[in-house]
C-alpha atoms as a PDB file:
ATOM      1  CA  MET A   1      -7.926 -14.502 -18.781  1.00  0.00           C
ATOM      2  CA  THR A   2      -6.090 -12.622 -16.024  1.00  0.00           C
ATOM      3  CA  PRO A   3      -6.279  -8.822 -16.476  1.00  0.00           C
ATOM      4  CA  VAL A   4      -2.989  -6.988 -17.054  1.00  0.00           C
ATOM      5  CA  ILE A   5      -1.794  -3.406 -17.323  1.00  0.00           C
ATOM      6  CA  PRO A   6      -1.849  -2.700 -21.073  1.00  0.00           C
ATOM      7  CA  GLY A   7       1.575  -2.188 -22.637  1.00  0.00           C
ATOM      8  CA  PHE A   8       3.496  -3.308 -19.547  1.00  0.00           C
ATOM      9  CA  GLU A   9       5.919  -6.209 -19.450  1.00  0.00           C
ATOM     10  CA  TYR A  10       5.704  -8.786 -16.682  1.00  0.00           C
ATOM     11  CA  GLN A  11       8.527 -10.556 -14.894  1.00  0.00           C
ATOM     12  CA  ARG A  12       9.506 -12.155 -11.593  1.00  0.00           C
ATOM     13  CA  VAL A  13      12.299 -10.590  -9.571  1.00  0.00           C
ATOM     14  CA  THR A  14      14.040 -12.232  -6.620  1.00  0.00           C
ATOM     15  CA  VAL A  15      14.226  -9.767  -3.716  1.00  0.00           C
ATOM     16  CA  ALA A  16      15.073 -11.987  -0.740  1.00  0.00           C
ATOM     17  CA  ASP A  17      15.795 -15.619   0.077  1.00  0.00           C
ATOM     18  CA  ASP A  18      12.971 -17.662  -1.461  1.00  0.00           C
ATOM     19  CA  VAL A  19      10.876 -14.543  -2.210  1.00  0.00           C
ATOM     20  CA  ASP A  20      10.122 -13.407  -5.751  1.00  0.00           C
ATOM     21  CA  LEU A  21       7.909 -10.471  -6.615  1.00  0.00           C
ATOM     22  CA  HIS A  22       5.566 -10.474  -9.595  1.00  0.00           C
ATOM     23  CA  VAL A  23       6.040  -7.087 -11.263  1.00  0.00           C
ATOM     24  CA  ALA A  24       4.745  -5.116 -14.238  1.00  0.00           C
ATOM     25  CA  VAL A  25       7.138  -2.563 -15.779  1.00  0.00           C
ATOM     26  CA  GLY A  26       6.396   0.017 -18.442  1.00  0.00           C
ATOM     27  CA  GLY A  27       7.528   3.335 -19.873  1.00  0.00           C
ATOM     28  CA  SER A  28      10.903   5.023 -19.689  1.00  0.00           C
ATOM     29  CA  GLY A  29      12.489   7.858 -17.778  1.00  0.00           C
ATOM     30  CA  SER A  30      12.995   8.482 -14.061  1.00  0.00           C
ATOM     31  CA  PRO A  31      11.610   5.555 -12.035  1.00  0.00           C
ATOM     32  CA  ILE A  32       8.527   5.474  -9.845  1.00  0.00           C
ATOM     33  CA  VAL A  33       7.359   2.414  -7.930  1.00  0.00           C
ATOM     34  CA  LEU A  34       3.623   2.047  -7.224  1.00  0.00           C
ATOM     35  CA  LEU A  35       2.507  -0.184  -4.324  1.00  0.00           C
ATOM     36  CA  HIS A  36      -1.044  -1.515  -4.134  1.00  0.00           C
ATOM     37  CA  GLY A  37      -3.369  -1.820  -1.166  1.00  0.00           C
ATOM     38  CA  PHE A  38      -5.850  -4.298   0.357  1.00  0.00           C
ATOM     39  CA  PRO A  39      -7.585  -6.344  -0.937  1.00  0.00           C
ATOM     40  CA  GLN A  40      -6.025  -5.688  -4.315  1.00  0.00           C
ATOM     41  CA  THR A  41      -3.032  -6.351  -6.539  1.00  0.00           C
ATOM     42  CA  HIS A  42      -0.825  -4.194  -8.767  1.00  0.00           C
ATOM     43  CA  LEU A  43      -3.831  -3.913 -11.136  1.00  0.00           C
ATOM     44  CA  MET A  44      -5.264  -1.086  -9.023  1.00  0.00           C
ATOM     45  CA  TRP A  45      -2.666   1.197 -10.661  1.00  0.00           C
ATOM     46  CA  ARG A  46      -3.664   0.340 -14.265  1.00  0.00           C
ATOM     47  CA  HIS A  47      -4.972   3.823 -15.143  1.00  0.00           C
ATOM     48  CA  VAL A  48      -2.342   5.794 -13.232  1.00  0.00           C
ATOM     49  CA  ALA A  49       0.535   3.609 -14.431  1.00  0.00           C
ATOM     50  CA  THR A  50      -0.246   3.940 -18.130  1.00  0.00           C
ATOM     51  CA  GLU A  51      -0.460   7.732 -17.812  1.00  0.00           C
ATOM     52  CA  LEU A  52       2.796   8.057 -15.883  1.00  0.00           C
ATOM     53  CA  ALA A  53       4.581   5.722 -18.306  1.00  0.00           C
ATOM     54  CA  ALA A  54       4.596   8.544 -20.859  1.00  0.00           C
ATOM     55  CA  GLU A  55       7.428  10.159 -18.919  1.00  0.00           C
ATOM     56  CA  HIS A  56       8.605   7.652 -16.290  1.00  0.00           C
ATOM     57  CA  THR A  57       9.699   4.077 -15.859  1.00  0.00           C
ATOM     58  CA  VAL A  58       6.756   2.750 -13.857  1.00  0.00           C
ATOM     59  CA  ILE A  59       7.211  -0.328 -11.666  1.00  0.00           C
ATOM     60  CA  CYS A  60       4.112  -2.026 -10.246  1.00  0.00           C
ATOM     61  CA  PRO A  61       4.768  -5.104  -8.085  1.00  0.00           C
ATOM     62  CA  ASP A  62       2.437  -7.342  -6.180  1.00  0.00           C
ATOM     63  CA  LEU A  63       3.577  -6.984  -2.576  1.00  0.00           C
ATOM     64  CA  ARG A  64       5.077  -9.922  -0.707  1.00  0.00           C
ATOM     65  CA  GLY A  65       2.124 -12.097   0.315  1.00  0.00           C
ATOM     66  CA  TYR A  66      -0.262 -10.717  -2.298  1.00  0.00           C
ATOM     67  CA  GLY A  67      -1.268 -11.464  -5.867  1.00  0.00           C
ATOM     68  CA  ALA A  68       1.226 -13.612  -7.756  1.00  0.00           C
ATOM     69  CA  SER A  69       4.214 -12.701  -5.560  1.00  0.00           C
ATOM     70  CA  GLY A  70       5.892 -15.051  -3.112  1.00  0.00           C
ATOM     71  CA  LYS A  71       4.059 -15.883   0.102  1.00  0.00           C
ATOM     72  CA  PRO A  72       6.582 -17.109   2.682  1.00  0.00           C
ATOM     73  CA  ALA A  73       5.267 -18.713   5.865  1.00  0.00           C
ATOM     74  CA  GLU A  74       4.876 -16.424   8.876  1.00  0.00           C
ATOM     75  CA  THR A  75       7.620 -17.976  10.968  1.00  0.00           C
ATOM     76  CA  ASP A  76       7.848 -14.819  13.111  1.00  0.00           C
ATOM     77  CA  GLY A  77       6.652 -11.233  13.108  1.00  0.00           C
ATOM     78  CA  THR A  78       9.456  -9.986  10.896  1.00  0.00           C
ATOM     79  CA  VAL A  79       8.395 -11.935   7.779  1.00  0.00           C
ATOM     80  CA  TYR A  80       5.559  -9.514   6.993  1.00  0.00           C
ATOM     81  CA  SER A  81       6.797  -6.466   8.873  1.00  0.00           C
ATOM     82  CA  LYS A  82       6.687  -3.296   6.808  1.00  0.00           C
ATOM     83  CA  ARG A  83      10.454  -3.105   7.356  1.00  0.00           C
ATOM     84  CA  THR A  84      10.885  -6.417   5.522  1.00  0.00           C
ATOM     85  CA  MET A  85       8.377  -5.501   2.813  1.00  0.00           C
ATOM     86  CA  ALA A  86      10.087  -2.128   2.323  1.00  0.00           C
ATOM     87  CA  ALA A  87      13.421  -3.887   1.911  1.00  0.00           C
ATOM     88  CA  ASP A  88      11.751  -5.997  -0.800  1.00  0.00           C
ATOM     89  CA  VAL A  89      10.822  -2.839  -2.683  1.00  0.00           C
ATOM     90  CA  VAL A  90      14.307  -1.323  -2.462  1.00  0.00           C
ATOM     91  CA  ALA A  91      15.822  -4.627  -3.613  1.00  0.00           C
ATOM     92  CA  LEU A  92      13.321  -4.817  -6.487  1.00  0.00           C
ATOM     93  CA  ALA A  93      14.210  -1.344  -7.737  1.00  0.00           C
ATOM     94  CA  LYS A  94      17.920  -2.101  -7.465  1.00  0.00           C
ATOM     95  CA  GLU A  95      17.545  -5.370  -9.402  1.00  0.00           C
ATOM     96  CA  LEU A  96      15.819  -3.351 -12.130  1.00  0.00           C
ATOM     97  CA  GLY A  97      18.724  -0.891 -12.193  1.00  0.00           C
ATOM     98  CA  HIS A  98      17.446   1.922  -9.959  1.00  0.00           C
ATOM     99  CA  ASP A  99      19.288   2.944  -6.785  1.00  0.00           C
ATOM    100  CA  ARG A 100      17.006   5.981  -6.306  1.00  0.00           C
ATOM    101  CA  PHE A 101      13.344   6.237  -7.201  1.00  0.00           C
ATOM    102  CA  ALA A 102      10.035   7.846  -6.364  1.00  0.00           C
ATOM    103  CA  LEU A 103       7.588   5.729  -4.385  1.00  0.00           C
ATOM    104  CA  ALA A 104       3.814   5.868  -4.065  1.00  0.00           C
ATOM    105  CA  GLY A 105       1.597   3.539  -2.087  1.00  0.00           C
ATOM    106  CA  HIS A 106      -2.074   3.044  -1.396  1.00  0.00           C
ATOM    107  CA  ASP A 107      -3.467   1.537   1.818  1.00  0.00           C
ATOM    108  CA  ARG A 108      -1.135  -1.340   2.829  1.00  0.00           C
ATOM    109  CA  GLY A 109       1.284  -0.295   0.117  1.00  0.00           C
ATOM    110  CA  ALA A 110       1.398   3.183   1.619  1.00  0.00           C
ATOM    111  CA  LEU A 111       2.470   1.726   4.967  1.00  0.00           C
ATOM    112  CA  VAL A 112       5.264  -0.108   3.158  1.00  0.00           C
ATOM    113  CA  ALA A 113       6.204   3.127   1.379  1.00  0.00           C
ATOM    114  CA  ILE A 114       6.339   5.075   4.647  1.00  0.00           C
ATOM    115  CA  ARG A 115       8.628   2.484   6.180  1.00  0.00           C
ATOM    116  CA  ALA A 116      10.819   2.520   3.061  1.00  0.00           C
ATOM    117  CA  GLY A 117      11.106   6.293   3.369  1.00  0.00           C
ATOM    118  CA  LEU A 118      12.132   6.052   7.025  1.00  0.00           C
ATOM    119  CA  ASP A 119      14.524   3.120   6.596  1.00  0.00           C
ATOM    120  CA  HIS A 120      15.981   3.974   3.170  1.00  0.00           C
ATOM    121  CA  PRO A 121      15.962   7.780   2.836  1.00  0.00           C
ATOM    122  CA  ASP A 122      18.867   7.748   0.384  1.00  0.00           C
ATOM    123  CA  ALA A 123      16.894   5.537  -2.008  1.00  0.00           C
ATOM    124  CA  ILE A 124      13.531   7.340  -1.983  1.00  0.00           C
ATOM    125  CA  ARG A 125      13.463  10.659  -3.877  1.00  0.00           C
ATOM    126  CA  HIS A 126       9.775  11.439  -3.398  1.00  0.00           C
ATOM    127  CA  LEU A 127       7.011   9.692  -1.471  1.00  0.00           C
ATOM    128  CA  ALA A 128       3.226   9.627  -1.872  1.00  0.00           C
ATOM    129  CA  SER A 129       0.646   8.030   0.407  1.00  0.00           C
ATOM    130  CA  LEU A 130      -2.980   7.399  -0.540  1.00  0.00           C
ATOM    131  CA  ASP A 131      -5.673   7.126   2.137  1.00  0.00           C
ATOM    132  CA  VAL A 132      -3.871   5.913   5.244  1.00  0.00           C
ATOM    133  CA  LEU A 133      -2.263   7.272   8.364  1.00  0.00           C
ATOM    134  CA  PRO A 134       1.099   6.006   9.604  1.00  0.00           C
ATOM    135  CA  THR A 135       0.588   2.810  11.609  1.00  0.00           C
ATOM    136  CA  LEU A 136       1.136   4.295  15.064  1.00  0.00           C
ATOM    137  CA  ASP A 137      -1.297   7.160  14.437  1.00  0.00           C
ATOM    138  CA  MET A 138      -3.875   4.823  12.910  1.00  0.00           C
ATOM    139  CA  TRP A 139      -4.138   2.839  16.122  1.00  0.00           C
ATOM    140  CA  ASP A 140      -4.138   5.979  18.251  1.00  0.00           C
ATOM    141  CA  ILE A 141      -7.172   7.548  16.544  1.00  0.00           C
ATOM    142  CA  LEU A 142      -9.403   4.446  16.635  1.00  0.00           C
ATOM    143  CA  HIS A 143     -11.582   4.724  19.744  1.00  0.00           C
ATOM    144  CA  GLY A 144     -14.931   3.382  20.899  1.00  0.00           C
ATOM    145  CA  ALA A 145     -17.734   2.754  18.439  1.00  0.00           C
ATOM    146  CA  ASP A 146     -15.887   4.691  15.716  1.00  0.00           C
ATOM    147  CA  ALA A 147     -13.346   1.868  15.633  1.00  0.00           C
ATOM    148  CA  ALA A 148     -16.027  -0.442  14.192  1.00  0.00           C
ATOM    149  CA  VAL A 149     -15.185   0.894  10.740  1.00  0.00           C
ATOM    150  CA  ALA A 150     -11.825  -0.856  11.107  1.00  0.00           C
ATOM    151  CA  PHE A 151     -13.069  -4.162  12.538  1.00  0.00           C
ATOM    152  CA  HIS A 152     -10.808  -6.079  10.164  1.00  0.00           C
ATOM    153  CA  LEU A 153      -7.720  -4.579  11.819  1.00  0.00           C
ATOM    154  CA  TYR A 154      -8.724  -6.093  15.151  1.00  0.00           C
ATOM    155  CA  LEU A 155      -9.745  -9.435  13.666  1.00  0.00           C
ATOM    156  CA  MET A 156      -6.454  -9.917  11.826  1.00  0.00           C
ATOM    157  CA  ALA A 157      -4.439  -8.739  14.836  1.00  0.00           C
ATOM    158  CA  GLN A 158      -5.350 -11.938  16.684  1.00  0.00           C
ATOM    159  CA  PRO A 159      -2.845 -14.791  17.126  1.00  0.00           C
ATOM    160  CA  PRO A 160      -2.445 -17.256  14.244  1.00  0.00           C
ATOM    161  CA  GLY A 161      -5.307 -19.662  13.695  1.00  0.00           C
ATOM    162  CA  LEU A 162      -8.719 -18.124  14.273  1.00  0.00           C
ATOM    163  CA  PRO A 163      -8.536 -15.155  11.851  1.00  0.00           C
ATOM    164  CA  GLU A 164      -7.279 -17.364   9.036  1.00  0.00           C
ATOM    165  CA  GLN A 165     -10.000 -19.936   9.702  1.00  0.00           C
ATOM    166  CA  MET A 166     -12.810 -17.386   9.874  1.00  0.00           C
ATOM    167  CA  ILE A 167     -11.741 -15.445   6.784  1.00  0.00           C
ATOM    168  CA  GLY A 168     -10.883 -18.541   4.762  1.00  0.00           C
ATOM    169  CA  ALA A 169     -14.321 -20.018   5.429  1.00  0.00           C
ATOM    170  CA  SER A 170     -15.997 -17.112   3.623  1.00  0.00           C
ATOM    171  CA  ALA A 171     -13.195 -15.367   1.765  1.00  0.00           C
ATOM    172  CA  ASP A 172     -15.207 -13.875  -1.082  1.00  0.00           C
ATOM    173  CA  ALA A 173     -17.777 -12.411   1.304  1.00  0.00           C
ATOM    174  CA  PHE A 174     -15.042 -10.992   3.536  1.00  0.00           C
ATOM    175  CA  PHE A 175     -12.884  -9.403   0.844  1.00  0.00           C
ATOM    176  CA  GLY A 176     -15.909  -8.458  -1.266  1.00  0.00           C
ATOM    177  CA  HIS A 177     -17.301  -6.469   1.665  1.00  0.00           C
ATOM    178  CA  PHE A 178     -14.376  -4.039   1.453  1.00  0.00           C
ATOM    179  CA  LEU A 179     -14.369  -3.849  -2.332  1.00  0.00           C
ATOM    180  CA  ASP A 180     -18.038  -2.889  -2.219  1.00  0.00           C
ATOM    181  CA  SER A 181     -18.360  -0.770   0.924  1.00  0.00           C
ATOM    182  CA  TRP A 182     -15.201   1.277   0.346  1.00  0.00           C
ATOM    183  CA  THR A 183     -16.092   2.159  -3.249  1.00  0.00           C
ATOM    184  CA  ALA A 184     -17.956   5.384  -3.982  1.00  0.00           C
ATOM    185  CA  ASP A 185     -18.168   4.556  -7.711  1.00  0.00           C
ATOM    186  CA  PRO A 186     -18.735   0.822  -8.286  1.00  0.00           C
ATOM    187  CA  GLY A 187     -18.298   1.321 -12.033  1.00  0.00           C
ATOM    188  CA  ALA A 188     -14.629   2.182 -11.472  1.00  0.00           C
ATOM    189  CA  MET A 189     -13.897  -1.476 -10.669  1.00  0.00           C
ATOM    190  CA  PRO A 190     -14.906  -3.668 -13.641  1.00  0.00           C
ATOM    191  CA  ALA A 191     -16.196  -7.169 -13.009  1.00  0.00           C
ATOM    192  CA  ASP A 192     -13.060  -8.889 -14.307  1.00  0.00           C
ATOM    193  CA  VAL A 193     -10.796  -6.778 -12.090  1.00  0.00           C
ATOM    194  CA  ARG A 194     -13.009  -7.306  -9.041  1.00  0.00           C
ATOM    195  CA  ALA A 195     -13.009 -11.045  -9.698  1.00  0.00           C
ATOM    196  CA  GLU A 196      -9.208 -11.035  -9.921  1.00  0.00           C
ATOM    197  CA  TYR A 197      -8.923  -9.194  -6.591  1.00  0.00           C
ATOM    198  CA  LEU A 198     -11.199 -11.788  -4.981  1.00  0.00           C
ATOM    199  CA  ARG A 199      -9.312 -14.722  -6.512  1.00  0.00           C
ATOM    200  CA  ALA A 200      -5.931 -13.336  -5.502  1.00  0.00           C
ATOM    201  CA  SER A 201      -7.080 -12.563  -1.947  1.00  0.00           C
ATOM    202  CA  ARG A 202      -8.801 -15.926  -1.554  1.00  0.00           C
ATOM    203  CA  ASP A 203      -5.500 -17.601  -2.419  1.00  0.00           C
ATOM    204  CA  ALA A 204      -3.510 -15.476   0.054  1.00  0.00           C
ATOM    205  CA  VAL A 205      -5.491 -15.502   3.303  1.00  0.00           C
ATOM    206  CA  PRO A 206      -2.598 -16.570   5.604  1.00  0.00           C
ATOM    207  CA  SER A 207      -0.145 -14.008   4.221  1.00  0.00           C
ATOM    208  CA  ILE A 208      -2.680 -11.166   4.157  1.00  0.00           C
ATOM    209  CA  VAL A 209      -3.548 -11.869   7.794  1.00  0.00           C
ATOM    210  CA  ALA A 210       0.171 -12.001   8.611  1.00  0.00           C
ATOM    211  CA  ASP A 211       0.649  -8.578   7.018  1.00  0.00           C
ATOM    212  CA  TYR A 212      -2.111  -7.107   9.187  1.00  0.00           C
ATOM    213  CA  ARG A 213      -0.927  -8.950  12.289  1.00  0.00           C
ATOM    214  CA  ALA A 214       2.475  -7.337  11.863  1.00  0.00           C
ATOM    215  CA  SER A 215       0.813  -3.923  11.865  1.00  0.00           C
ATOM    216  CA  ALA A 216      -0.568  -4.594  15.330  1.00  0.00           C
ATOM    217  CA  GLY A 217       2.796  -5.744  16.629  1.00  0.00           C
ATOM    218  CA  ILE A 218       6.259  -5.256  15.209  1.00  0.00           C
ATOM    219  CA  ASP A 219       5.286  -2.358  12.945  1.00  0.00           C
ATOM    220  CA  VAL A 220       4.058  -0.404  15.970  1.00  0.00           C
ATOM    221  CA  GLU A 221       7.356  -1.083  17.709  1.00  0.00           C
ATOM    222  CA  HIS A 222       9.291   0.248  14.723  1.00  0.00           C
ATOM    223  CA  ASP A 223       7.145   3.390  14.535  1.00  0.00           C
ATOM    224  CA  ARG A 224       7.535   4.032  18.254  1.00  0.00           C
ATOM    225  CA  ALA A 225      11.297   3.712  17.981  1.00  0.00           C
ATOM    226  CA  ASP A 226      11.376   6.222  15.117  1.00  0.00           C
ATOM    227  CA  ARG A 227       9.147   8.657  16.975  1.00  0.00           C
ATOM    228  CA  ALA A 228      11.321   8.420  20.093  1.00  0.00           C
ATOM    229  CA  ALA A 229      14.435   9.020  18.007  1.00  0.00           C
ATOM    230  CA  GLY A 230      12.881  11.967  16.184  1.00  0.00           C
ATOM    231  CA  ASN A 231      13.185  10.262  12.796  1.00  0.00           C
ATOM    232  CA  HIS A 232      11.060  11.636   9.982  1.00  0.00           C
ATOM    233  CA  LEU A 233      10.616  11.430   6.224  1.00  0.00           C
ATOM    234  CA  ARG A 234      13.307  13.620   4.679  1.00  0.00           C
ATOM    235  CA  MET A 235      11.982  13.659   1.111  1.00  0.00           C
ATOM    236  CA  PRO A 236       9.066  15.646  -0.334  1.00  0.00           C
ATOM    237  CA  VAL A 237       5.835  13.888   0.645  1.00  0.00           C
ATOM    238  CA  THR A 238       2.334  14.122  -0.816  1.00  0.00           C
ATOM    239  CA  VAL A 239      -0.643  12.658   1.041  1.00  0.00           C
ATOM    240  CA  VAL A 240      -4.096  12.271  -0.503  1.00  0.00           C
ATOM    241  CA  GLN A 241      -6.898  11.010   1.733  1.00  0.00           C
ATOM    242  CA  GLN A 242     -10.609  10.863   2.172  1.00  0.00           C
ATOM    243  CA  ASP A 243     -11.649  13.368   4.816  1.00  0.00           C
ATOM    244  CA  TRP A 244     -11.523  10.894   7.689  1.00  0.00           C
ATOM    245  CA  GLY A 245     -10.163  13.570  10.000  1.00  0.00           C
ATOM    246  CA  SER A 246     -13.445  15.450  10.094  1.00  0.00           C
ATOM    247  CA  VAL A 247     -15.425  12.209  10.449  1.00  0.00           C
ATOM    248  CA  LEU A 248     -13.377  10.758  13.320  1.00  0.00           C
ATOM    249  CA  GLY A 249     -12.293  14.034  14.896  1.00  0.00           C
ATOM    250  CA  TYR A 250      -8.555  14.320  14.329  1.00  0.00           C
ATOM    251  CA  ASP A 251      -6.188  16.616  12.451  1.00  0.00           C
ATOM    252  CA  ALA A 252      -4.938  14.388   9.638  1.00  0.00           C
ATOM    253  CA  ALA A 253      -2.552  16.967   8.191  1.00  0.00           C
ATOM    254  CA  GLY A 254      -1.141  17.656  11.645  1.00  0.00           C
ATOM    255  CA  LEU A 255      -0.485  13.985  12.301  1.00  0.00           C
ATOM    256  CA  TRP A 256       1.227  13.643   8.955  1.00  0.00           C
ATOM    257  CA  ARG A 257       3.326  16.787   9.396  1.00  0.00           C
ATOM    258  CA  ALA A 258       4.970  15.270  12.476  1.00  0.00           C
ATOM    259  CA  TRP A 259       6.391  12.583  10.189  1.00  0.00           C
ATOM    260  CA  ALA A 260       6.861  14.615   6.999  1.00  0.00           C
ATOM    261  CA  PRO A 261       7.981  18.253   7.335  1.00  0.00           C
ATOM    262  CA  ASP A 262       7.997  18.750   3.533  1.00  0.00           C
ATOM    263  CA  LEU A 263       4.319  17.878   3.147  1.00  0.00           C
ATOM    264  CA  VAL A 264       1.509  18.560   0.711  1.00  0.00           C
ATOM    265  CA  HIS A 265      -1.733  17.176   2.169  1.00  0.00           C
ATOM    266  CA  GLY A 266      -5.086  17.042   0.410  1.00  0.00           C
ATOM    267  CA  THR A 267      -8.449  15.302   0.489  1.00  0.00           C
ATOM    268  CA  LEU A 268     -10.591  13.817  -2.280  1.00  0.00           C
ATOM    269  CA  ALA A 269     -14.324  13.155  -2.444  1.00  0.00           C
ATOM    270  CA  ALA A 270     -13.619   9.810  -4.142  1.00  0.00           C
ATOM    271  CA  GLY A 271     -13.898   6.553  -2.224  1.00  0.00           C
ATOM    272  CA  HIS A 272     -11.012   4.611  -0.751  1.00  0.00           C
ATOM    273  CA  PHE A 273      -9.994   3.122  -4.095  1.00  0.00           C
ATOM    274  CA  MET A 274      -9.100   6.553  -5.428  1.00  0.00           C
ATOM    275  CA  ALA A 275      -6.480   5.435  -7.953  1.00  0.00           C
ATOM    276  CA  GLU A 276      -9.322   3.643  -9.747  1.00  0.00           C
ATOM    277  CA  GLU A 277     -12.144   6.073  -8.970  1.00  0.00           C
ATOM    278  CA  ALA A 278     -10.241   9.324  -9.593  1.00  0.00           C
ATOM    279  CA  PRO A 279      -7.100   8.358 -11.534  1.00  0.00           C
ATOM    280  CA  GLY A 280      -6.733  11.783 -13.131  1.00  0.00           C
ATOM    281  CA  ASP A 281      -6.543  13.455  -9.718  1.00  0.00           C
ATOM    282  CA  ILE A 282      -3.943  10.942  -8.540  1.00  0.00           C
ATOM    283  CA  VAL A 283      -1.846  11.374 -11.694  1.00  0.00           C
ATOM    284  CA  ASP A 284      -1.941  15.146 -11.214  1.00  0.00           C
ATOM    285  CA  ALA A 285      -0.911  14.812  -7.550  1.00  0.00           C
ATOM    286  CA  LEU A 286       1.982  12.505  -8.410  1.00  0.00           C
ATOM    287  CA  ARG A 287       3.221  14.699 -11.246  1.00  0.00           C
ATOM    288  CA  ALA A 288       3.156  17.731  -8.963  1.00  0.00           C
ATOM    289  CA  LEU A 289       5.056  15.773  -6.303  1.00  0.00           C
ATOM    290  CA  LEU A 290       7.748  14.739  -8.772  1.00  0.00           C
ATOM    291  CA  LYS A 291       8.390  18.382  -9.656  1.00  0.00           C
ATOM    292  CA  ARG A 292       9.125  19.382  -6.042  1.00  0.00           C
END
């Protein structure tokens, strides 16, 4: 049986031509949308979502190309650009009756959230990012042997064909590597949830690769254009990360502050999957953000 977020209702919402998102909705009150990361689905928010639902309408979609959501073919770089995926999220919220909402994302979902904040500032009240840097900065800080930690970024940046073939030939080993090596507390990811992440990722290799390929191409172009124009995130922003800055030798808070003047930046000792490993800390960070 497929795991679900307890007490949440599930539905499909059309957000673009031939693209429906699979979404779990629960609670009542001011809305917050939670976007999952790689290689996961909306289930990564199960602990955080049920806590926040006590005072908020909580909306947890599978991103375009992931989980049970639509997976359009990568006809060009725009199909899985973060600009397109951000527009999906804004359309989803509007279809559910919310013109303005708070937005939090982890990993890939955080990149979508950042782009939504830049492209749709009137729709996003508050923004939270878990354990990423903005796309342009991410590429800038990866140098030499230290870049080996992000080998998957370079693999999936390659032209269509080879990455899909290589990953598809051993999908469980590939996706399982990240679920295992990025987790500080393996007990935080139960066997049934881990199995669902593997199943969902195995069934979405082309669209997951397309998402990453966009981050090495069109997403960089969009970030460069915003940086050149002096665009930044106008809403209150909270960033929670592992302490990668000290490991790789960069000022994470400084990089973020260039994009988000109204910033609260913090680090956690938890692993990458912090919404599952330290859900109480993430709930506290989000509640504090929503009061700003």
